[in-house]
């Protein structure tokens, strides 16, 4: 369970960071 939770947490963190980067860099790049 711990490993699964860590994996999901990491994925969520990575996905959230990736979305933030796209939203943050998107308008600036355009």
N, C-alpha and C. Protein backbone atom coordinates (compact mmCIF):
# COMPACT_ATOMS: atom_id res chain seq x y z
N UNK A 1 0.83 -1.21 0.00
CA UNK A 1 0.00 0.00 0.00
C UNK A 1 0.87 1.27 0.00
N UNK A 2 1.91 1.26 0.81
CA UNK A 2 2.78 2.43 0.92
C UNK A 2 3.41 2.74 -0.43
N UNK A 3 3.89 1.70 -1.10
CA UNK A 3 4.53 1.91 -2.40
C UNK A 3 3.52 2.47 -3.40
N UNK A 4 2.30 1.91 -3.35
CA UNK A 4 1.25 2.36 -4.26
C UNK A 4 0.92 3.83 -3.99
N UNK A 5 0.83 4.18 -2.72
CA UNK A 5 0.51 5.56 -2.34
C UNK A 5 1.63 6.49 -2.80
N UNK A 6 2.88 6.05 -2.62
CA UNK A 6 4.01 6.89 -3.03
C UNK A 6 4.00 7.07 -4.54
N UNK A 7 3.70 5.99 -5.25
CA UNK A 7 3.68 6.05 -6.71
C UNK A 7 2.60 7.01 -7.19
N UNK A 8 1.41 6.88 -6.61
CA UNK A 8 0.29 7.76 -6.98
C UNK A 8 0.62 9.20 -6.60
N UNK A 9 1.20 9.40 -5.43
CA UNK A 9 1.55 10.74 -4.98
C UNK A 9 2.58 11.36 -5.90
N UNK A 10 3.56 10.57 -6.29
CA UNK A 10 4.62 11.07 -7.18
C UNK A 10 4.03 11.41 -8.55
N UNK A 11 3.15 10.54 -9.03
CA UNK A 11 2.53 10.76 -10.33
C UNK A 11 1.68 12.03 -10.29
N UNK A 12 0.92 12.19 -9.20
CA UNK A 12 0.07 13.38 -9.05
C UNK A 12 0.94 14.62 -8.99
N UNK A 13 2.05 14.54 -8.24
CA UNK A 13 2.95 15.69 -8.12
C UNK A 13 3.56 16.03 -9.48
N UNK A 14 4.01 15.00 -10.17
CA UNK A 14 4.64 15.22 -11.48
C UNK A 14 3.63 15.77 -12.47
N UNK A 15 2.42 15.19 -12.46
CA UNK A 15 1.38 15.64 -13.38
C UNK A 15 0.99 17.08 -13.07
N UNK A 16 0.86 17.40 -11.78
CA UNK A 16 0.48 18.74 -11.37
C UNK A 16 1.55 19.74 -11.78
N UNK A 17 2.81 19.35 -11.56
CA UNK A 17 3.93 20.23 -11.91
C UNK A 17 3.97 20.43 -13.43
N UNK A 18 3.74 19.35 -14.16
CA UNK A 18 3.77 19.43 -15.62
C UNK A 18 2.67 20.36 -16.12
N UNK A 19 1.47 20.24 -15.55
CA UNK A 19 0.36 21.10 -15.95
C UNK A 19 0.69 22.55 -15.62
N UNK A 20 1.28 22.77 -14.45
CA UNK A 20 1.63 24.12 -14.03
C UNK A 20 2.65 24.71 -14.99
N UNK A 21 3.61 23.89 -15.42
CA UNK A 21 4.65 24.36 -16.33
C UNK A 21 4.03 24.75 -17.67
N UNK A 22 3.12 23.94 -18.17
CA UNK A 22 2.47 24.21 -19.45
C UNK A 22 1.65 25.49 -19.36
N UNK A 23 0.89 25.63 -18.27
CA UNK A 23 0.05 26.82 -18.09
C UNK A 23 0.92 28.05 -17.90
N UNK A 24 2.03 27.89 -17.18
CA UNK A 24 2.90 29.03 -16.88
C UNK A 24 3.72 29.44 -18.10
N UNK A 25 4.25 28.45 -18.81
CA UNK A 25 5.11 28.74 -19.95
C UNK A 25 4.31 28.96 -21.23
N UNK A 26 3.12 28.36 -21.28
CA UNK A 26 2.28 28.48 -22.47
C UNK A 26 2.07 29.92 -22.92
N UNK A 27 1.41 30.75 -22.12
CA UNK A 27 1.13 32.14 -22.50
C UNK A 27 2.40 32.92 -22.80
N UNK A 28 3.44 32.69 -22.03
CA UNK A 28 4.69 33.43 -22.21
C UNK A 28 5.32 33.06 -23.55
N UNK A 29 5.32 31.77 -23.86
CA UNK A 29 5.93 31.31 -25.11
C UNK A 29 5.12 31.83 -26.29
N UNK A 30 3.82 31.86 -26.15
CA UNK A 30 2.94 32.36 -27.19
C UNK A 30 2.97 33.87 -27.12
